Amino acid sequence: MTDLGQGGAAMDEDRFNMAIRKFLKTVGVTSQREIETAVRAAATAGKLKPGASLKARMVLTLPEIGLHHEIDGEIETG
């Protein structure tokens, strides 16, 4: 267990790390599925040109500790 610092509660680093990995795996799998579904629907509806580049933003928030982190990127569709 690791002490988080002055006044902090001790926590099990391995358990914490596994919980983060589990959450991130869920985020990755479901995000990929949602992007694929939306891109296919847009392409079918004629709203997306072949080989288009899509701007993407992922926002991570942990309100209890005041974390707000944004990642910007691009997704090439072909």
PDB file of N, CA and C in Angstrom:
ATOM      1  N   MET A   1       0.834  -1.183   0.000  1.00  0.00           N
ATOM      2  CA  MET A   1       0.000   0.000   0.000  1.00  0.00           C
ATOM      3  C   MET A   1       0.875   1.241   0.000  1.00  0.00           C
ATOM      4  N   THR A   2       0.363   2.276  -0.582  1.00  0.00           N
ATOM      5  CA  THR A   2       1.095   3.521  -0.688  1.00  0.00           C
ATOM      6  C   THR A   2       0.342   4.620   0.032  1.00  0.00           C
ATOM      7  N   ASP A   3       1.075   5.454   0.772  1.00  0.00           N
ATOM      8  CA  ASP A   3       0.475   6.605   1.430  1.00  0.00           C
ATOM      9  C   ASP A   3       0.402   7.733   0.411  1.00  0.00           C
ATOM     10  N   LEU A   4      -0.746   8.354   0.266  1.00  0.00           N
ATOM     11  CA  LEU A   4      -0.926   9.426  -0.708  1.00  0.00           C
ATOM     12  C   LEU A   4      -0.336  10.753  -0.260  1.00  0.00           C
ATOM     13  N   GLY A   5       0.182  10.830   0.928  1.00  0.00           N
ATOM     14  CA  GLY A   5       0.770  12.078   1.403  1.00  0.00           C
ATOM     15  C   GLY A   5       0.138  12.495   2.707  1.00  0.00           C
ATOM     16  N   GLN A   6       0.385  13.722   3.109  1.00  0.00           N
ATOM     17  CA  GLN A   6      -0.115  14.226   4.375  1.00  0.00           C
ATOM     18  C   GLN A   6      -1.628  14.129   4.433  1.00  0.00           C
ATOM     19  N   GLY A   7      -2.127  13.415   5.402  1.00  0.00           N
ATOM     20  CA  GLY A   7      -3.562  13.300   5.585  1.00  0.00           C
ATOM     21  C   GLY A   7      -4.251  12.381   4.590  1.00  0.00           C
ATOM     22  N   GLY A   8      -3.491  11.841   3.628  1.00  0.00           N
ATOM     23  CA  GLY A   8      -4.080  10.964   2.630  1.00  0.00           C
ATOM     24  C   GLY A   8      -4.220   9.548   3.152  1.00  0.00           C
ATOM     25  N   ALA A   9      -5.208   8.856   2.664  1.00  0.00           N
ATOM     26  CA  ALA A   9      -5.412   7.465   3.048  1.00  0.00           C
ATOM     27  C   ALA A   9      -4.474   6.582   2.233  1.00  0.00           C
ATOM     28  N   ALA A  10      -4.056   5.485   2.815  1.00  0.00           N
ATOM     29  CA  ALA A  10      -3.227   4.523   2.092  1.00  0.00           C
ATOM     30  C   ALA A  10      -4.094   3.815   1.064  1.00  0.00           C
ATOM     31  N   MET A  11      -3.484   3.479  -0.091  1.00  0.00           N
ATOM     32  CA  MET A  11      -4.254   2.769  -1.108  1.00  0.00           C
ATOM     33  C   MET A  11      -3.418   1.651  -1.689  1.00  0.00           C
ATOM     34  N   ASP A  12      -4.079   0.664  -2.228  1.00  0.00           N
ATOM     35  CA  ASP A  12      -3.435  -0.479  -2.851  1.00  0.00           C
ATOM     36  C   ASP A  12      -3.139  -0.110  -4.308  1.00  0.00           C
ATOM     37  N   GLU A  13      -1.876   0.137  -4.608  1.00  0.00           N
ATOM     38  CA  GLU A  13      -1.467   0.576  -5.954  1.00  0.00           C
ATOM     39  C   GLU A  13      -1.861  -0.418  -7.038  1.00  0.00           C
ATOM     40  N   ASP A  14      -1.685  -1.709  -6.777  1.00  0.00           N
ATOM     41  CA  ASP A  14      -2.025  -2.728  -7.778  1.00  0.00           C
ATOM     42  C   ASP A  14      -3.522  -2.723  -8.079  1.00  0.00           C
ATOM     43  N   ARG A  15      -4.322  -2.653  -7.046  1.00  0.00           N
ATOM     44  CA  ARG A  15      -5.777  -2.638  -7.232  1.00  0.00           C
ATOM     45  C   ARG A  15      -6.208  -1.367  -7.972  1.00  0.00           C
ATOM     46  N   PHE A  16      -5.626  -0.234  -7.602  1.00  0.00           N
ATOM     47  CA  PHE A  16      -5.908   1.040  -8.253  1.00  0.00           C
ATOM     48  C   PHE A  16      -5.526   0.987  -9.730  1.00  0.00           C
ATOM     49  N   ASN A  17      -4.338   0.467 -10.020  1.00  0.00           N
ATOM     50  CA  ASN A  17      -3.861   0.358 -11.394  1.00  0.00           C
ATOM     51  C   ASN A  17      -4.782  -0.524 -12.226  1.00  0.00           C
ATOM     52  N   MET A  18      -5.217  -1.637 -11.671  1.00  0.00           N
ATOM     53  CA  MET A  18      -6.123  -2.537 -12.395  1.00  0.00           C
ATOM     54  C   MET A  18      -7.471  -1.871 -12.647  1.00  0.00           C
ATOM     55  N   ALA A  19      -7.962  -1.077 -11.706  1.00  0.00           N
ATOM     56  CA  ALA A  19      -9.231  -0.380 -11.886  1.00  0.00           C
ATOM     57  C   ALA A  19      -9.120   0.645 -13.020  1.00  0.00           C
ATOM     58  N   ILE A  20      -7.987   1.350 -13.081  1.00  0.00           N
ATOM     59  CA  ILE A  20      -7.771   2.311 -14.167  1.00  0.00           C
ATOM     60  C   ILE A  20      -7.722   1.585 -15.502  1.00  0.00           C
ATOM     61  N   ARG A  21      -6.969   0.493 -15.576  1.00  0.00           N
ATOM     62  CA  ARG A  21      -6.853  -0.264 -16.822  1.00  0.00           C
ATOM     63  C   ARG A  21      -8.207  -0.789 -17.287  1.00  0.00           C
ATOM     64  N   LYS A  22      -9.009  -1.269 -16.351  1.00  0.00           N
ATOM     65  CA  LYS A  22     -10.343  -1.783 -16.691  1.00  0.00           C
ATOM     66  C   LYS A  22     -11.204  -0.653 -17.270  1.00  0.00           C
ATOM     67  N   PHE A  23     -11.177   0.506 -16.629  1.00  0.00           N
ATOM     68  CA  PHE A  23     -11.937   1.654 -17.116  1.00  0.00           C
ATOM     69  C   PHE A  23     -11.461   2.059 -18.509  1.00  0.00           C
ATOM     70  N   LEU A  24     -10.145   2.174 -18.706  1.00  0.00           N
ATOM     71  CA  LEU A  24      -9.605   2.593 -19.999  1.00  0.00           C
ATOM     72  C   LEU A  24      -9.888   1.580 -21.100  1.00  0.00           C
ATOM     73  N   LYS A  25      -9.908   0.297 -20.759  1.00  0.00           N
ATOM     74  CA  LYS A  25     -10.250  -0.719 -21.754  1.00  0.00           C
ATOM     75  C   LYS A  25     -11.698  -0.538 -22.201  1.00  0.00           C
ATOM     76  N   THR A  26     -12.588  -0.298 -21.262  1.00  0.00           N
ATOM     77  CA  THR A  26     -13.988  -0.056 -21.586  1.00  0.00           C
ATOM     78  C   THR A  26     -14.131   1.195 -22.450  1.00  0.00           C
ATOM     79  N   VAL A  27     -13.428   2.255 -22.079  1.00  0.00           N
ATOM     80  CA  VAL A  27     -13.460   3.495 -22.863  1.00  0.00           C
ATOM     81  C   VAL A  27     -12.972   3.240 -24.285  1.00  0.00           C
ATOM     82  N   GLY A  28     -11.862   2.541 -24.422  1.00  0.00           N
ATOM     83  CA  GLY A  28     -11.296   2.285 -25.745  1.00  0.00           C
ATOM     84  C   GLY A  28     -12.209   1.462 -26.629  1.00  0.00           C
ATOM     85  N   VAL A  29     -12.738   0.375 -26.090  1.00  0.00           N
ATOM     86  CA  VAL A  29     -13.594  -0.525 -26.876  1.00  0.00           C
ATOM     87  C   VAL A  29     -14.899   0.165 -27.265  1.00  0.00           C
ATOM     88  N   THR A  30     -15.548   0.817 -26.309  1.00  0.00           N
ATOM     89  CA  THR A  30     -16.826   1.449 -26.630  1.00  0.00           C
ATOM     90  C   THR A  30     -16.640   2.671 -27.522  1.00  0.00           C
ATOM     91  N   SER A  31     -15.564   3.409 -27.329  1.00  0.00           N
ATOM     92  CA  SER A  31     -15.300   4.576 -28.187  1.00  0.00           C
ATOM     93  C   SER A  31     -15.062   4.150 -29.624  1.00  0.00           C
ATOM     94  N   GLN A  32     -14.288   3.097 -29.817  1.00  0.00           N
ATOM     95  CA  GLN A  32     -14.029   2.609 -31.174  1.00  0.00           C
ATOM     96  C   GLN A  32     -15.325   2.179 -31.838  1.00  0.00           C
ATOM     97  N   ARG A  33     -16.154   1.469 -31.109  1.00  0.00           N
ATOM     98  CA  ARG A  33     -17.436   1.008 -31.643  1.00  0.00           C
ATOM     99  C   ARG A  33     -18.317   2.189 -32.040  1.00  0.00           C
ATOM    100  N   GLU A  34     -18.402   3.197 -31.202  1.00  0.00           N
ATOM    101  CA  GLU A  34     -19.221   4.376 -31.492  1.00  0.00           C
ATOM    102  C   GLU A  34     -18.703   5.139 -32.705  1.00  0.00           C
ATOM    103  N   ILE A  35     -17.386   5.292 -32.808  1.00  0.00           N
ATOM    104  CA  ILE A  35     -16.803   5.991 -33.958  1.00  0.00           C
ATOM    105  C   ILE A  35     -17.084   5.227 -35.237  1.00  0.00           C
ATOM    106  N   GLU A  36     -16.862   3.916 -35.232  1.00  0.00           N
ATOM    107  CA  GLU A  36     -17.110   3.097 -36.429  1.00  0.00           C
ATOM    108  C   GLU A  36     -18.567   3.190 -36.867  1.00  0.00           C
ATOM    109  N   THR A  37     -19.485   3.104 -35.923  1.00  0.00           N
ATOM    110  CA  THR A  37     -20.912   3.176 -36.235  1.00  0.00           C
ATOM    111  C   THR A  37     -21.273   4.530 -36.834  1.00  0.00           C
ATOM    112  N   ALA A  38     -20.775   5.607 -36.230  1.00  0.00           N
ATOM    113  CA  ALA A  38     -21.087   6.951 -36.713  1.00  0.00           C
ATOM    114  C   ALA A  38     -20.483   7.209 -38.091  1.00  0.00           C
ATOM    115  N   VAL A  39     -19.255   6.733 -38.325  1.00  0.00           N
ATOM    116  CA  VAL A  39     -18.606   6.938 -39.623  1.00  0.00           C
ATOM    117  C   VAL A  39     -19.341   6.158 -40.705  1.00  0.00           C
ATOM    118  N   ARG A  40     -19.715   4.920 -40.423  1.00  0.00           N
ATOM    119  CA  ARG A  40     -20.465   4.133 -41.409  1.00  0.00           C
ATOM    120  C   ARG A  40     -21.801   4.787 -41.743  1.00  0.00           C
ATOM    121  N   ALA A  41     -22.496   5.270 -40.718  1.00  0.00           N
ATOM    122  CA  ALA A  41     -23.793   5.922 -40.948  1.00  0.00           C
ATOM    123  C   ALA A  41     -23.621   7.198 -41.776  1.00  0.00           C
ATOM    124  N   ALA A  42     -22.599   7.975 -41.473  1.00  0.00           N
ATOM    125  CA  ALA A  42     -22.353   9.211 -42.229  1.00  0.00           C
ATOM    126  C   ALA A  42     -21.983   8.900 -43.673  1.00  0.00           C
ATOM    127  N   ALA A  43     -21.193   7.862 -43.877  1.00  0.00           N
ATOM    128  CA  ALA A  43     -20.802   7.479 -45.239  1.00  0.00           C
ATOM    129  C   ALA A  43     -22.018   6.992 -46.022  1.00  0.00           C
ATOM    130  N   THR A  44     -22.851   6.187 -45.397  1.00  0.00           N
ATOM    131  CA  THR A  44     -24.057   5.677 -46.045  1.00  0.00           C
ATOM    132  C   THR A  44     -25.006   6.809 -46.416  1.00  0.00           C
ATOM    133  N   ALA A  45     -25.082   7.822 -45.565  1.00  0.00           N
ATOM    134  CA  ALA A  45     -25.976   8.958 -45.806  1.00  0.00           C
ATOM    135  C   ALA A  45     -25.367   9.979 -46.762  1.00  0.00           C
ATOM    136  N   GLY A  46     -24.149   9.720 -47.217  1.00  0.00           N
ATOM    137  CA  GLY A  46     -23.502  10.643 -48.136  1.00  0.00           C
ATOM    138  C   GLY A  46     -22.937  11.889 -47.475  1.00  0.00           C
ATOM    139  N   LYS A  47     -22.797  11.865 -46.178  1.00  0.00           N
ATOM    140  CA  LYS A  47     -22.286  13.017 -45.431  1.00  0.00           C
ATOM    141  C   LYS A  47     -20.770  12.985 -45.236  1.00  0.00           C
ATOM    142  N   LEU A  48     -20.130  11.938 -45.741  1.00  0.00           N
ATOM    143  CA  LEU A  48     -18.695  11.769 -45.511  1.00  0.00           C
ATOM    144  C   LEU A  48     -18.024  11.352 -46.811  1.00  0.00           C
ATOM    145  N   LYS A  49     -17.028  12.118 -47.220  1.00  0.00           N
ATOM    146  CA  LYS A  49     -16.288  11.791 -48.429  1.00  0.00           C
ATOM    147  C   LYS A  49     -15.279  10.685 -48.128  1.00  0.00           C
ATOM    148  N   PRO A  50     -15.034   9.795 -49.109  1.00  0.00           N
ATOM    149  CA  PRO A  50     -14.022   8.754 -48.909  1.00  0.00           C
ATOM    150  C   PRO A  50     -12.662   9.373 -48.577  1.00  0.00           C
ATOM    151  N   GLY A  51     -11.989   8.816 -47.601  1.00  0.00           N
ATOM    152  CA  GLY A  51     -10.669   9.290 -47.209  1.00  0.00           C
ATOM    153  C   GLY A  51     -10.677  10.567 -46.387  1.00  0.00           C
ATOM    154  N   ALA A  52     -11.842  10.953 -45.895  1.00  0.00           N
ATOM    155  CA  ALA A  52     -11.944  12.182 -45.100  1.00  0.00           C
ATOM    156  C   ALA A  52     -11.146  12.072 -43.813  1.00  0.00           C
ATOM    157  N   SER A  53     -10.714  13.208 -43.328  1.00  0.00           N
ATOM    158  CA  SER A  53     -10.038  13.313 -42.045  1.00  0.00           C
ATOM    159  C   SER A  53     -11.013  13.948 -41.064  1.00  0.00           C
ATOM    160  N   LEU A  54     -11.193  13.305 -39.923  1.00  0.00           N
ATOM    161  CA  LEU A  54     -12.147  13.793 -38.928  1.00  0.00           C
ATOM    162  C   LEU A  54     -11.417  14.290 -37.684  1.00  0.00           C
ATOM    163  N   LYS A  55     -11.754  15.493 -37.250  1.00  0.00           N
ATOM    164  CA  LYS A  55     -11.200  16.000 -35.997  1.00  0.00           C
ATOM    165  C   LYS A  55     -11.883  15.268 -34.849  1.00  0.00           C
ATOM    166  N   ALA A  56     -11.102  14.903 -33.855  1.00  0.00           N
ATOM    167  CA  ALA A  56     -11.652  14.186 -32.706  1.00  0.00           C
ATOM    168  C   ALA A  56     -11.164  14.833 -31.415  1.00  0.00           C
ATOM    169  N   ARG A  57     -12.008  14.769 -30.410  1.00  0.00           N
ATOM    170  CA  ARG A  57     -11.624  15.254 -29.083  1.00  0.00           C
ATOM    171  C   ARG A  57     -12.164  14.275 -28.044  1.00  0.00           C
ATOM    172  N   MET A  58     -11.302  13.907 -27.138  1.00  0.00           N
ATOM    173  CA  MET A  58     -11.706  13.048 -26.019  1.00  0.00           C
ATOM    174  C   MET A  58     -11.542  13.872 -24.751  1.00  0.00           C
ATOM    175  N   VAL A  59     -12.566  13.869 -23.913  1.00  0.00           N
ATOM    176  CA  VAL A  59     -12.530  14.623 -22.667  1.00  0.00           C
ATOM    177  C   VAL A  59     -12.650  13.645 -21.505  1.00  0.00           C
ATOM    178  N   LEU A  60     -11.709  13.745 -20.585  1.00  0.00           N
ATOM    179  CA  LEU A  60     -11.707  12.919 -19.382  1.00  0.00           C
ATOM    180  C   LEU A  60     -11.954  13.831 -18.197  1.00  0.00           C
ATOM    181  N   THR A  61     -12.968  13.524 -17.424  1.00  0.00           N
ATOM    182  CA  THR A  61     -13.231  14.314 -16.226  1.00  0.00           C
ATOM    183  C   THR A  61     -13.388  13.399 -15.023  1.00  0.00           C
ATOM    184  N   LEU A  62     -12.840  13.831 -13.927  1.00  0.00           N
ATOM    185  CA  LEU A  62     -13.049  13.196 -12.626  1.00  0.00           C
ATOM    186  C   LEU A  62     -13.470  14.330 -11.692  1.00  0.00           C
ATOM    187  N   PRO A  63     -14.761  14.633 -11.654  1.00  0.00           N
ATOM    188  CA  PRO A  63     -15.241  15.801 -10.918  1.00  0.00           C
ATOM    189  C   PRO A  63     -14.846  15.808  -9.437  1.00  0.00           C
ATOM    190  N   GLU A  64     -14.797  14.634  -8.825  1.00  0.00           N
ATOM    191  CA  GLU A  64     -14.506  14.572  -7.391  1.00  0.00           C
ATOM    192  C   GLU A  64     -13.126  15.122  -7.041  1.00  0.00           C
ATOM    193  N   ILE A  65     -12.199  15.064  -7.995  1.00  0.00           N
ATOM    194  CA  ILE A  65     -10.840  15.556  -7.718  1.00  0.00           C
ATOM    195  C   ILE A  65     -10.440  16.719  -8.628  1.00  0.00           C
ATOM    196  N   GLY A  66     -11.398  17.231  -9.389  1.00  0.00           N
ATOM    197  CA  GLY A  66     -11.148  18.402 -10.217  1.00  0.00           C
ATOM    198  C   GLY A  66     -10.327  18.151 -11.471  1.00  0.00           C
ATOM    199  N   LEU A  67     -10.296  16.916 -11.964  1.00  0.00           N
ATOM    200  CA  LEU A  67      -9.544  16.619 -13.181  1.00  0.00           C
ATOM    201  C   LEU A  67     -10.390  16.889 -14.414  1.00  0.00           C
ATOM    202  N   HIS A  68      -9.821  17.627 -15.345  1.00  0.00           N
ATOM    203  CA  HIS A  68     -10.431  17.860 -16.659  1.00  0.00           C
ATOM    204  C   HIS A  68      -9.279  17.819 -17.655  1.00  0.00           C
ATOM    205  N   HIS A  69      -9.275  16.807 -18.523  1.00  0.00           N
ATOM    206  CA  HIS A  69      -8.167  16.624 -19.473  1.00  0.00           C
ATOM    207  C   HIS A  69      -8.756  16.392 -20.859  1.00  0.00           C
ATOM    208  N   GLU A  70      -8.265  17.158 -21.845  1.00  0.00           N
ATOM    209  CA  GLU A  70      -8.757  17.021 -23.213  1.00  0.00           C
ATOM    210  C   GLU A  70      -7.608  16.577 -24.134  1.00  0.00           C
ATOM    211  N   ILE A  71      -7.953  15.672 -25.040  1.00  0.00           N
ATOM    212  CA  ILE A  71      -6.994  15.191 -26.039  1.00  0.00           C
ATOM    213  C   ILE A  71      -7.622  15.439 -27.397  1.00  0.00           C
ATOM    214  N   ASP A  72      -6.900  16.177 -28.250  1.00  0.00           N
ATOM    215  CA  ASP A  72      -7.353  16.450 -29.611  1.00  0.00           C
ATOM    216  C   ASP A  72      -6.535  15.615 -30.588  1.00  0.00           C
ATOM    217  N   GLY A  73      -7.185  15.190 -31.659  1.00  0.00           N
ATOM    218  CA  GLY A  73      -6.490  14.417 -32.680  1.00  0.00           C
ATOM    219  C   GLY A  73      -7.296  14.369 -33.960  1.00  0.00           C
ATOM    220  N   GLU A  74      -6.810  13.584 -34.894  1.00  0.00           N
ATOM    221  CA  GLU A  74      -7.518  13.376 -36.152  1.00  0.00           C
ATOM    222  C   GLU A  74      -7.614  11.899 -36.429  1.00  0.00           C
ATOM    223  N   ILE A  75      -8.717  11.520 -37.073  1.00  0.00           N
ATOM    224  CA  ILE A  75      -8.939  10.136 -37.493  1.00  0.00           C
ATOM    225  C   ILE A  75      -9.075  10.137 -38.999  1.00  0.00           C
ATOM    226  N   GLU A  76      -8.190   9.427 -39.669  1.00  0.00           N
ATOM    227  CA  GLU A  76      -8.252   9.267 -41.127  1.00  0.00           C
ATOM    228  C   GLU A  76      -9.224   8.137 -41.427  1.00  0.00           C
ATOM    229  N   THR A  77     -10.148   8.371 -42.352  1.00  0.00           N
ATOM    230  CA  THR A  77     -11.156   7.354 -42.647  1.00  0.00           C
ATOM    231  C   THR A  77     -10.778   6.452 -43.828  1.00  0.00           C
ATOM    232  N   GLY A  78      -9.659   6.653 -44.397  1.00  0.00           N
ATOM    233  CA  GLY A  78      -9.301   5.744 -45.477  1.00  0.00           C
ATOM    234  C   GLY A  78      -8.294   6.294 -46.323  1.00  0.00           C
TER     235      GLY A  78
END
